[in-house]
């Protein structure tokens, strides 16, 4: 069974490892975000960085956040430069998926070793 947006996810993960191999560990998240943006753009993807997303509660806007990167208006990328991925990071990306029409989120950590988590939150559950 093919996963939702698998081909696009695979291309993003390939890019993630390329950026990681080029830069290594130890930079701020912004450096990795800028590098992912440049690399994804150069590969012909539609990429938005720091896209504002409104959060609503019972129809009233109650907050906002800025997605690190959204690719092809389908996949949200949340970038970290931490020791390791923690449960809070996973909850964060699930909340981002809940608040948008995107159904796939990739949590990418540029830590001592590269790691990622793929999260799905389908629109029919929103």
N, C-alpha and C. Protein backbone atom coordinates (compact mmCIF):
# COMPACT_ATOMS: atom_id res chain seq x y z
N UNK A 1 0.85 -1.19 0.00
CA UNK A 1 0.00 0.00 0.00
C UNK A 1 0.89 1.25 0.00
N UNK A 2 0.63 2.16 -0.91
CA UNK A 2 1.42 3.38 -0.98
C UNK A 2 0.93 4.39 0.06
N UNK A 3 1.88 5.02 0.70
CA UNK A 3 1.55 6.05 1.68
C UNK A 3 1.16 7.33 0.96
N UNK A 4 0.33 8.13 1.61
CA UNK A 4 -0.10 9.41 1.05
C UNK A 4 1.12 10.31 0.75
N UNK A 5 1.17 10.80 -0.48
CA UNK A 5 2.26 11.68 -0.94
C UNK A 5 3.64 11.04 -0.76
N UNK A 6 3.72 9.74 -0.95
CA UNK A 6 4.98 9.02 -0.71
C UNK A 6 6.12 9.50 -1.61
N UNK A 7 5.83 9.69 -2.89
CA UNK A 7 6.88 10.11 -3.82
C UNK A 7 7.46 11.46 -3.40
N UNK A 8 6.58 12.39 -3.05
CA UNK A 8 7.02 13.71 -2.61
C UNK A 8 7.78 13.61 -1.29
N UNK A 9 7.27 12.81 -0.37
CA UNK A 9 7.97 12.60 0.92
C UNK A 9 9.37 12.05 0.70
N UNK A 10 9.47 11.07 -0.20
CA UNK A 10 10.79 10.47 -0.48
C UNK A 10 11.76 11.51 -1.03
N UNK A 11 11.28 12.36 -1.93
CA UNK A 11 12.13 13.41 -2.51
C UNK A 11 12.58 14.40 -1.44
N UNK A 12 11.67 14.74 -0.52
CA UNK A 12 12.01 15.67 0.57
C UNK A 12 13.05 15.03 1.49
N UNK A 13 12.85 13.76 1.82
CA UNK A 13 13.80 13.07 2.71
C UNK A 13 15.18 12.95 2.06
N UNK A 14 15.21 12.72 0.77
CA UNK A 14 16.48 12.66 0.05
C UNK A 14 17.20 14.02 0.17
N UNK A 15 16.42 15.08 0.01
CA UNK A 15 16.96 16.44 0.14
C UNK A 15 17.46 16.69 1.57
N UNK A 16 16.68 16.25 2.55
CA UNK A 16 17.06 16.38 3.97
C UNK A 16 18.44 15.75 4.22
N UNK A 17 18.64 14.53 3.74
CA UNK A 17 19.92 13.85 3.95
C UNK A 17 21.05 14.54 3.19
N UNK A 18 20.75 15.06 2.02
CA UNK A 18 21.78 15.78 1.27
C UNK A 18 22.22 17.04 2.02
N UNK A 19 21.25 17.79 2.53
CA UNK A 19 21.57 19.01 3.29
C UNK A 19 22.34 18.63 4.56
N UNK A 20 21.89 17.59 5.23
CA UNK A 20 22.58 17.15 6.46
C UNK A 20 24.02 16.75 6.16
N UNK A 21 24.21 15.98 5.10
CA UNK A 21 25.56 15.52 4.75
C UNK A 21 26.47 16.68 4.37
N UNK A 22 25.90 17.71 3.78
CA UNK A 22 26.68 18.89 3.38
C UNK A 22 27.04 19.77 4.59
N UNK A 23 26.07 20.00 5.48
CA UNK A 23 26.28 20.93 6.59
C UNK A 23 26.69 20.26 7.90
N UNK A 24 26.23 19.03 8.10
CA UNK A 24 26.52 18.36 9.37
C UNK A 24 25.67 18.92 10.49
N UNK A 25 26.13 18.71 11.69
CA UNK A 25 25.39 19.04 12.92
C UNK A 25 25.96 20.29 13.56
N UNK A 26 25.09 21.09 14.20
CA UNK A 26 25.59 22.20 15.02
C UNK A 26 25.15 23.59 14.62
N UNK A 27 24.45 23.73 13.51
CA UNK A 27 23.95 25.06 13.14
C UNK A 27 22.58 25.31 13.76
N UNK A 28 22.15 26.56 13.73
CA UNK A 28 20.81 26.91 14.17
C UNK A 28 19.79 26.41 13.15
N UNK A 29 18.56 26.21 13.61
CA UNK A 29 17.49 25.72 12.73
C UNK A 29 17.35 26.57 11.47
N UNK A 30 17.50 27.88 11.60
CA UNK A 30 17.32 28.80 10.48
C UNK A 30 18.26 28.46 9.33
N UNK A 31 19.49 28.06 9.64
CA UNK A 31 20.46 27.69 8.60
C UNK A 31 19.96 26.48 7.82
N UNK A 32 19.45 25.49 8.56
CA UNK A 32 18.93 24.29 7.90
C UNK A 32 17.66 24.62 7.11
N UNK A 33 16.82 25.47 7.67
CA UNK A 33 15.59 25.86 6.97
C UNK A 33 15.94 26.55 5.66
N UNK A 34 16.85 27.50 5.69
CA UNK A 34 17.25 28.22 4.48
C UNK A 34 17.86 27.25 3.46
N UNK A 35 18.66 26.31 3.93
CA UNK A 35 19.30 25.34 3.04
C UNK A 35 18.27 24.41 2.40
N UNK A 36 17.32 23.93 3.19
CA UNK A 36 16.26 23.07 2.66
C UNK A 36 15.45 23.84 1.62
N UNK A 37 15.14 25.09 1.92
CA UNK A 37 14.38 25.93 1.00
C UNK A 37 15.10 26.05 -0.34
N UNK A 38 16.38 26.40 -0.29
CA UNK A 38 17.19 26.58 -1.50
C UNK A 38 17.27 25.27 -2.29
N UNK A 39 17.52 24.18 -1.60
CA UNK A 39 17.69 22.88 -2.26
C UNK A 39 16.37 22.39 -2.88
N UNK A 40 15.27 22.52 -2.14
CA UNK A 40 13.97 22.08 -2.67
C UNK A 40 13.57 22.93 -3.88
N UNK A 41 13.79 24.24 -3.80
CA UNK A 41 13.50 25.15 -4.91
C UNK A 41 14.32 24.75 -6.14
N UNK A 42 15.61 24.46 -5.91
CA UNK A 42 16.50 24.12 -7.03
C UNK A 42 16.08 22.81 -7.70
N UNK A 43 15.34 21.99 -6.99
CA UNK A 43 14.85 20.73 -7.54
C UNK A 43 13.47 20.89 -8.18
N UNK A 44 13.00 22.14 -8.25
CA UNK A 44 11.77 22.42 -8.98
C UNK A 44 10.48 22.33 -8.18
N UNK A 45 10.59 22.23 -6.85
CA UNK A 45 9.39 22.14 -6.03
C UNK A 45 8.84 23.52 -5.71
N UNK A 46 7.54 23.59 -5.51
CA UNK A 46 6.89 24.80 -5.02
C UNK A 46 7.08 24.79 -3.50
N UNK A 47 7.76 25.82 -2.98
CA UNK A 47 8.15 25.85 -1.57
C UNK A 47 7.79 27.19 -0.94
N UNK A 48 7.17 27.14 0.24
CA UNK A 48 6.88 28.36 0.99
C UNK A 48 7.53 28.24 2.36
N UNK A 49 8.27 29.27 2.75
CA UNK A 49 8.91 29.28 4.07
C UNK A 49 8.17 30.26 4.97
N UNK A 50 8.09 29.93 6.24
CA UNK A 50 7.47 30.79 7.24
C UNK A 50 6.07 31.25 6.83
N UNK A 51 5.27 30.30 6.35
CA UNK A 51 3.89 30.62 5.95
C UNK A 51 3.03 30.76 7.21
N UNK A 52 2.31 31.87 7.29
CA UNK A 52 1.45 32.14 8.44
C UNK A 52 0.22 31.25 8.38
N UNK A 53 -0.07 30.59 9.48
CA UNK A 53 -1.24 29.73 9.57
C UNK A 53 -2.04 30.15 10.80
N UNK A 54 -3.33 30.46 10.58
CA UNK A 54 -4.19 30.90 11.67
C UNK A 54 -4.77 29.68 12.39
N UNK A 55 -4.90 29.80 13.70
CA UNK A 55 -5.51 28.75 14.51
C UNK A 55 -6.87 29.27 14.99
N UNK A 56 -7.91 28.44 14.77
CA UNK A 56 -9.27 28.84 15.15
C UNK A 56 -9.81 27.96 16.25
N UNK A 57 -10.63 28.59 17.09
CA UNK A 57 -11.37 27.87 18.13
C UNK A 57 -12.82 28.27 17.98
N UNK A 58 -13.67 27.32 17.64
CA UNK A 58 -15.10 27.58 17.44
C UNK A 58 -15.33 28.77 16.51
N UNK A 59 -14.56 28.80 15.43
CA UNK A 59 -14.76 29.83 14.42
C UNK A 59 -14.08 31.16 14.70
N UNK A 60 -13.39 31.28 15.83
CA UNK A 60 -12.72 32.53 16.18
C UNK A 60 -11.21 32.30 16.12
N UNK A 61 -10.49 33.21 15.44
CA UNK A 61 -9.04 33.08 15.38
C UNK A 61 -8.47 33.34 16.78
N UNK A 62 -7.71 32.37 17.28
CA UNK A 62 -7.17 32.48 18.64
C UNK A 62 -5.64 32.48 18.66
N UNK A 63 -5.04 32.35 17.52
CA UNK A 63 -3.58 32.35 17.48
C UNK A 63 -3.07 32.10 16.07
N UNK A 64 -1.77 32.05 15.97
CA UNK A 64 -1.14 31.81 14.69
C UNK A 64 0.20 31.14 14.92
N UNK A 65 0.69 30.52 13.88
CA UNK A 65 2.05 30.02 13.90
C UNK A 65 2.57 30.11 12.49
N UNK A 66 3.86 29.95 12.35
CA UNK A 66 4.49 30.04 11.04
C UNK A 66 5.14 28.70 10.73
N UNK A 67 4.65 28.05 9.68
CA UNK A 67 5.20 26.76 9.28
C UNK A 67 6.62 26.98 8.76
N UNK A 68 7.56 26.13 9.19
CA UNK A 68 8.94 26.27 8.71
C UNK A 68 8.96 26.26 7.19
N UNK A 69 8.44 25.17 6.62
CA UNK A 69 8.38 25.06 5.16
C UNK A 69 7.15 24.23 4.78
N UNK A 70 6.47 24.66 3.72
CA UNK A 70 5.39 23.86 3.14
C UNK A 70 5.79 23.57 1.69
N UNK A 71 5.76 22.29 1.33
CA UNK A 71 6.17 21.86 -0.01
C UNK A 71 4.96 21.44 -0.83
N UNK A 72 4.85 22.04 -2.03
CA UNK A 72 3.77 21.72 -2.98
C UNK A 72 2.38 21.88 -2.36
N UNK A 73 2.27 22.70 -1.32
CA UNK A 73 1.00 22.93 -0.62
C UNK A 73 0.42 21.61 -0.10
N UNK A 74 1.29 20.61 0.14
CA UNK A 74 0.82 19.29 0.57
C UNK A 74 1.49 18.79 1.84
N UNK A 75 2.77 19.12 2.02
CA UNK A 75 3.52 18.56 3.16
C UNK A 75 4.13 19.69 3.97
N UNK A 76 3.88 19.65 5.28
CA UNK A 76 4.48 20.61 6.21
C UNK A 76 5.79 20.02 6.73
N UNK A 77 6.84 20.83 6.68
CA UNK A 77 8.12 20.43 7.26
C UNK A 77 8.35 21.22 8.54
N UNK A 78 8.61 20.52 9.61
CA UNK A 78 8.98 21.16 10.87
C UNK A 78 10.43 20.76 11.11
N UNK A 79 11.30 21.74 11.16
CA UNK A 79 12.74 21.48 11.30
C UNK A 79 13.21 21.71 12.72
N UNK A 80 14.07 20.83 13.16
CA UNK A 80 14.67 20.95 14.49
C UNK A 80 16.18 20.78 14.36
N UNK A 81 16.90 21.33 15.30
CA UNK A 81 18.34 21.12 15.40
C UNK A 81 18.60 20.78 16.87
N UNK A 82 18.09 19.64 17.29
CA UNK A 82 18.10 19.25 18.70
C UNK A 82 18.85 17.93 18.88
N UNK A 83 19.09 17.59 20.12
CA UNK A 83 19.74 16.33 20.46
C UNK A 83 18.99 15.15 19.81
N UNK A 84 17.66 15.16 19.98
CA UNK A 84 16.83 14.11 19.38
C UNK A 84 15.39 14.61 19.31
N UNK A 85 14.59 13.90 18.55
CA UNK A 85 13.17 14.22 18.45
C UNK A 85 12.48 13.78 19.74
N UNK A 86 11.67 14.66 20.30
CA UNK A 86 10.93 14.33 21.53
C UNK A 86 9.43 14.35 21.23
N UNK A 87 8.66 13.77 22.13
CA UNK A 87 7.21 13.64 21.95
C UNK A 87 6.55 15.00 21.68
N UNK A 88 7.01 16.06 22.34
CA UNK A 88 6.44 17.40 22.14
C UNK A 88 6.56 17.83 20.68
N UNK A 89 7.69 17.50 20.03
CA UNK A 89 7.87 17.84 18.61
C UNK A 89 6.83 17.12 17.76
N UNK A 90 6.57 15.86 18.09
CA UNK A 90 5.59 15.08 17.34
C UNK A 90 4.18 15.64 17.53
N UNK A 91 3.86 16.02 18.76
CA UNK A 91 2.55 16.63 19.03
C UNK A 91 2.40 17.94 18.29
N UNK A 92 3.48 18.71 18.24
CA UNK A 92 3.47 20.00 17.56
C UNK A 92 3.11 19.82 16.08
N UNK A 93 3.74 18.89 15.41
CA UNK A 93 3.46 18.73 13.97
C UNK A 93 2.06 18.17 13.74
N UNK A 94 1.58 17.33 14.64
CA UNK A 94 0.19 16.85 14.52
C UNK A 94 -0.80 18.01 14.65
N UNK A 95 -0.53 18.92 15.57
CA UNK A 95 -1.40 20.10 15.73
C UNK A 95 -1.36 20.96 14.48
N UNK A 96 -0.19 21.11 13.87
CA UNK A 96 -0.06 21.89 12.63
C UNK A 96 -0.90 21.25 11.53
N UNK A 97 -0.87 19.92 11.45
CA UNK A 97 -1.66 19.23 10.43
C UNK A 97 -3.15 19.42 10.70
N UNK A 98 -3.54 19.35 11.97
CA UNK A 98 -4.94 19.55 12.34
C UNK A 98 -5.44 20.93 11.91
N UNK A 99 -4.56 21.92 11.97
CA UNK A 99 -4.95 23.31 11.72
C UNK A 99 -4.91 23.69 10.24
N UNK A 100 -4.46 22.78 9.38
CA UNK A 100 -4.32 23.11 7.96
C UNK A 100 -5.01 22.04 7.11
N UNK A 101 -5.00 22.26 5.80
CA UNK A 101 -5.51 21.25 4.88
C UNK A 101 -4.44 20.21 4.53
N UNK A 102 -3.21 20.43 4.98
CA UNK A 102 -2.14 19.46 4.73
C UNK A 102 -2.41 18.20 5.55
N UNK A 103 -2.14 17.06 4.95
CA UNK A 103 -2.39 15.79 5.63
C UNK A 103 -1.11 15.07 6.04
N UNK A 104 0.03 15.52 5.50
CA UNK A 104 1.30 14.88 5.80
C UNK A 104 2.27 15.90 6.38
N UNK A 105 2.93 15.50 7.44
CA UNK A 105 3.95 16.34 8.06
C UNK A 105 5.24 15.55 8.24
N UNK A 106 6.35 16.21 7.98
CA UNK A 106 7.65 15.59 8.22
C UNK A 106 8.39 16.41 9.27
N UNK A 107 8.76 15.75 10.33
CA UNK A 107 9.55 16.35 11.39
C UNK A 107 11.00 15.95 11.11
N UNK A 108 11.83 16.94 10.77
CA UNK A 108 13.21 16.67 10.37
C UNK A 108 14.15 17.22 11.43
N UNK A 109 14.97 16.37 11.99
CA UNK A 109 15.91 16.82 13.02
C UNK A 109 17.34 16.73 12.52
N UNK A 110 17.99 17.90 12.49
CA UNK A 110 19.40 17.99 12.12
C UNK A 110 20.24 17.87 13.39
N UNK A 111 20.13 16.75 14.08
CA UNK A 111 20.83 16.53 15.34
C UNK A 111 22.19 15.88 15.11
N UNK A 112 22.74 15.30 16.18
CA UNK A 112 24.04 14.62 16.05
C UNK A 112 23.97 13.54 14.98
N UNK A 113 22.79 12.93 14.88
CA UNK A 113 22.53 12.05 13.74
C UNK A 113 21.20 12.50 13.15
N UNK A 114 21.08 12.45 11.82
CA UNK A 114 19.83 12.91 11.20
C UNK A 114 18.70 11.95 11.53
N UNK A 115 17.53 12.50 11.85
CA UNK A 115 16.37 11.64 12.10
C UNK A 115 15.11 12.36 11.66
N UNK A 116 14.09 11.56 11.35
CA UNK A 116 12.82 12.15 10.91
C UNK A 116 11.67 11.29 11.41
N UNK A 117 10.50 11.94 11.49
CA UNK A 117 9.24 11.26 11.78
C UNK A 117 8.25 11.74 10.73
N UNK A 118 7.44 10.81 10.24
CA UNK A 118 6.41 11.14 9.27
C UNK A 118 5.07 11.01 9.97
N UNK A 119 4.28 12.08 9.93
CA UNK A 119 2.97 12.09 10.58
C UNK A 119 1.89 12.34 9.55
N UNK A 120 0.75 11.70 9.78
CA UNK A 120 -0.41 11.88 8.88
C UNK A 120 -1.63 12.21 9.72
N UNK A 121 -2.37 13.20 9.25
CA UNK A 121 -3.65 13.54 9.87
C UNK A 121 -4.60 13.84 8.73
N UNK A 122 -5.47 12.89 8.42
CA UNK A 122 -6.30 13.02 7.22
C UNK A 122 -7.41 14.06 7.38
N UNK A 123 -7.70 14.74 6.29
CA UNK A 123 -8.68 15.83 6.33
C UNK A 123 -10.07 15.37 6.76
N UNK A 124 -10.44 14.14 6.48
CA UNK A 124 -11.78 13.70 6.88
C UNK A 124 -11.89 13.51 8.40
N UNK A 125 -10.78 13.62 9.12
CA UNK A 125 -10.81 13.55 10.59
C UNK A 125 -10.76 14.95 11.21
N UNK A 126 -10.66 15.98 10.38
CA UNK A 126 -10.52 17.35 10.90
C UNK A 126 -11.88 17.99 11.10
